[in-house]
PDB file of N, CA and C in Angstrom:
ATOM      1  N   MET A   1     107.423 153.364  88.747  1.00  0.00           N
ATOM      2  CA  MET A   1     107.790 153.412  90.104  1.00  0.00           C
ATOM      3  C   MET A   1     108.252 151.923  90.609  1.00  0.00           C
ATOM      4  N   ASP A   2     107.416 151.028  90.385  1.00  0.00           N
ATOM      5  CA  ASP A   2     107.661 149.607  90.879  1.00  0.00           C
ATOM      6  C   ASP A   2     108.321 148.852  89.665  1.00  0.00           C
ATOM      7  N   ASN A   3     108.608 149.529  88.594  1.00  0.00           N
ATOM      8  CA  ASN A   3     109.298 148.649  87.530  1.00  0.00           C
ATOM      9  C   ASN A   3     110.799 148.905  87.533  1.00  0.00           C
ATOM     10  N   ARG A   4     111.331 147.763  87.221  1.00  0.00           N
ATOM     11  CA  ARG A   4     112.827 147.788  86.983  1.00  0.00           C
ATOM     12  C   ARG A   4     113.304 147.739  85.628  1.00  0.00           C
ATOM     13  N   GLN A   5     114.391 148.433  85.203  1.00  0.00           N
ATOM     14  CA  GLN A   5     114.768 148.582  83.904  1.00  0.00           C
ATOM     15  C   GLN A   5     115.901 147.625  83.516  1.00  0.00           C
ATOM     16  N   ASN A   6     115.847 146.702  82.733  1.00  0.00           N
ATOM     17  CA  ASN A   6     116.860 145.754  82.425  1.00  0.00           C
ATOM     18  C   ASN A   6     117.763 146.445  81.425  1.00  0.00           C
ATOM     19  N   ARG A   7     118.936 145.644  81.068  1.00  0.00           N
ATOM     20  CA  ARG A   7     119.867 146.225  80.080  1.00  0.00           C
ATOM     21  C   ARG A   7     119.394 146.640  78.668  1.00  0.00           C
ATOM     22  N   GLN A   8     118.434 145.853  78.439  1.00  0.00           N
ATOM     23  CA  GLN A   8     117.625 146.161  77.067  1.00  0.00           C
ATOM     24  C   GLN A   8     116.759 147.427  76.944  1.00  0.00           C
ATOM     25  N   GLY A   9     116.596 147.955  78.235  1.00  0.00           N
ATOM     26  CA  GLY A   9     115.765 149.130  78.253  1.00  0.00           C
ATOM     27  C   GLY A   9     114.230 148.866  78.184  1.00  0.00           C
ATOM     28  N   LEU A  10     113.909 147.592  78.570  1.00  0.00           N
ATOM     29  CA  LEU A  10     112.514 147.168  78.730  1.00  0.00           C
ATOM     30  C   LEU A  10     112.047 147.274  80.188  1.00  0.00           C
ATOM     31  N   LEU A  11     110.880 147.815  80.359  1.00  0.00           N
ATOM     32  CA  LEU A  11     110.261 148.098  81.697  1.00  0.00           C
ATOM     33  C   LEU A  11     109.753 146.626  82.088  1.00  0.00           C
ATOM     34  N   VAL A  12     110.309 146.110  83.234  1.00  0.00           N
ATOM     35  CA  VAL A  12     109.886 144.924  83.730  1.00  0.00           C
ATOM     36  C   VAL A  12     109.321 144.923  85.165  1.00  0.00           C
ATOM     37  N   SER A  13     108.182 144.490  85.309  1.00  0.00           N
ATOM     38  CA  SER A  13     107.520 144.505  86.559  1.00  0.00           C
ATOM     39  C   SER A  13     107.856 143.334  87.436  1.00  0.00           C
ATOM     40  N   PRO A  14     108.283 143.691  88.683  1.00  0.00           N
ATOM     41  CA  PRO A  14     108.762 142.544  89.624  1.00  0.00           C
ATOM     42  C   PRO A  14     107.725 141.420  89.651  1.00  0.00           C
ATOM     43  N   ARG A  15     106.597 141.688  89.568  1.00  0.00           N
ATOM     44  CA  ARG A  15     105.548 140.488  89.654  1.00  0.00           C
ATOM     45  C   ARG A  15     105.735 139.590  88.552  1.00  0.00           C
ATOM     46  N   LEU A  16     105.774 140.035  87.355  1.00  0.00           N
ATOM     47  CA  LEU A  16     106.041 139.229  86.184  1.00  0.00           C
ATOM     48  C   LEU A  16     107.323 138.561  86.124  1.00  0.00           C
ATOM     49  N   VAL A  17     108.444 139.266  86.811  1.00  0.00           N
ATOM     50  CA  VAL A  17     109.817 138.659  86.931  1.00  0.00           C
ATOM     51  C   VAL A  17     109.695 137.506  87.704  1.00  0.00           C
ATOM     52  N   GLN A  18     109.155 137.477  88.838  1.00  0.00           N
ATOM     53  CA  GLN A  18     108.999 136.454  89.764  1.00  0.00           C
ATOM     54  C   GLN A  18     108.373 135.203  89.107  1.00  0.00           C
ATOM     55  N   LYS A  19     107.344 135.495  88.364  1.00  0.00           N
ATOM     56  CA  LYS A  19     106.573 134.405  87.857  1.00  0.00           C
ATOM     57  C   LYS A  19     107.176 133.948  86.647  1.00  0.00           C
ATOM     58  N   GLY A  20     108.164 134.771  85.986  1.00  0.00           N
ATOM     59  CA  GLY A  20     108.847 134.348  84.799  1.00  0.00           C
ATOM     60  C   GLY A  20     107.918 134.244  83.501  1.00  0.00           C
ATOM     61  N   GLU A  21     106.868 135.221  83.588  1.00  0.00           N
ATOM     62  CA  GLU A  21     105.833 135.269  82.341  1.00  0.00           C
ATOM     63  C   GLU A  21     106.161 136.153  81.399  1.00  0.00           C
ATOM     64  N   ILE A  22     107.612 136.781  81.495  1.00  0.00           N
ATOM     65  CA  ILE A  22     107.994 137.843  80.493  1.00  0.00           C
ATOM     66  C   ILE A  22     108.518 137.183  79.337  1.00  0.00           C
ATOM     67  N   ARG A  23     107.821 137.521  78.167  1.00  0.00           N
ATOM     68  CA  ARG A  23     108.524 136.952  76.904  1.00  0.00           C
ATOM     69  C   ARG A  23     108.806 138.095  75.921  1.00  0.00           C
ATOM     70  N   THR A  24     110.019 138.071  75.593  1.00  0.00           N
ATOM     71  CA  THR A  24     110.452 139.352  74.602  1.00  0.00           C
ATOM     72  C   THR A  24     111.419 138.720  73.558  1.00  0.00           C
ATOM     73  N   PRO A  25     111.283 139.073  72.411  1.00  0.00           N
ATOM     74  CA  PRO A  25     112.105 138.529  71.277  1.00  0.00           C
ATOM     75  C   PRO A  25     113.591 138.821  71.608  1.00  0.00           C
ATOM     76  N   GLY A  26     113.996 139.770  72.369  1.00  0.00           N
ATOM     77  CA  GLY A  26     115.334 140.067  72.648  1.00  0.00           C
ATOM     78  C   GLY A  26     115.851 138.986  73.618  1.00  0.00           C
ATOM     79  N   LEU A  27     114.971 138.618  74.628  1.00  0.00           N
ATOM     80  CA  LEU A  27     115.594 137.773  75.837  1.00  0.00           C
ATOM     81  C   LEU A  27     115.441 136.313  75.319  1.00  0.00           C
ATOM     82  N   LYS A  28     114.357 136.039  74.599  1.00  0.00           N
ATOM     83  CA  LYS A  28     114.177 134.582  74.005  1.00  0.00           C
ATOM     84  C   LYS A  28     114.009 133.669  75.168  1.00  0.00           C
ATOM     85  N   ARG A  29     114.560 132.512  75.080  1.00  0.00           N
ATOM     86  CA  ARG A  29     114.208 131.473  76.154  1.00  0.00           C
ATOM     87  C   ARG A  29     115.027 131.662  77.540  1.00  0.00           C
ATOM     88  N   SER A  30     116.176 132.414  77.409  1.00  0.00           N
ATOM     89  CA  SER A  30     116.970 132.703  78.558  1.00  0.00           C
ATOM     90  C   SER A  30     116.629 133.938  79.247  1.00  0.00           C
ATOM     91  N   SER A  31     115.270 134.334  79.130  1.00  0.00           N
ATOM     92  CA  SER A  31     114.668 135.437  79.809  1.00  0.00           C
ATOM     93  C   SER A  31     114.817 135.318  81.370  1.00  0.00           C
ATOM     94  N   ARG A  32     114.557 134.251  81.845  1.00  0.00           N
ATOM     95  CA  ARG A  32     114.565 134.042  83.284  1.00  0.00           C
ATOM     96  C   ARG A  32     116.130 134.314  83.769  1.00  0.00           C
ATOM     97  N   LEU A  33     117.012 133.761  83.148  1.00  0.00           N
ATOM     98  CA  LEU A  33     118.469 133.856  83.534  1.00  0.00           C
ATOM     99  C   LEU A  33     118.835 135.350  83.370  1.00  0.00           C
ATOM    100  N   ASP A  34     118.572 135.834  82.351  1.00  0.00           N
ATOM    101  CA  ASP A  34     118.924 137.394  82.040  1.00  0.00           C
ATOM    102  C   ASP A  34     118.443 138.279  83.025  1.00  0.00           C
ATOM    103  N   LEU A  35     117.160 137.998  83.319  1.00  0.00           N
ATOM    104  CA  LEU A  35     116.358 138.847  84.368  1.00  0.00           C
ATOM    105  C   LEU A  35     116.890 138.791  85.649  1.00  0.00           C
ATOM    106  N   GLN A  36     117.400 137.532  86.181  1.00  0.00           N
ATOM    107  CA  GLN A  36     117.985 137.298  87.384  1.00  0.00           C
ATOM    108  C   GLN A  36     119.274 138.041  87.562  1.00  0.00           C
ATOM    109  N   LYS A  37     120.021 138.031  86.320  1.00  0.00           N
ATOM    110  CA  LYS A  37     121.374 138.560  86.303  1.00  0.00           C
ATOM    111  C   LYS A  37     121.242 140.091  86.323  1.00  0.00           C
ATOM    112  N   CYS A  38     120.475 140.581  85.489  1.00  0.00           N
ATOM    113  CA  CYS A  38     120.324 142.080  85.519  1.00  0.00           C
ATOM    114  C   CYS A  38     119.693 142.853  86.676  1.00  0.00           C
ATOM    115  N   CYS A  39     118.779 142.067  87.199  1.00  0.00           N
ATOM    116  CA  CYS A  39     117.967 142.518  88.503  1.00  0.00           C
ATOM    117  C   CYS A  39     118.757 142.224  89.595  1.00  0.00           C
TER     118      CYS A  39
END
């Protein structure tokens, strides 16, 4: 419900997105930039 789905199909919670604490092998170091672009 509160989760947003990025282009890689991973469920990302807005809370973690704001804090930038999300770490996935697909996003690597550019996770913050990718999340901002896709969301």
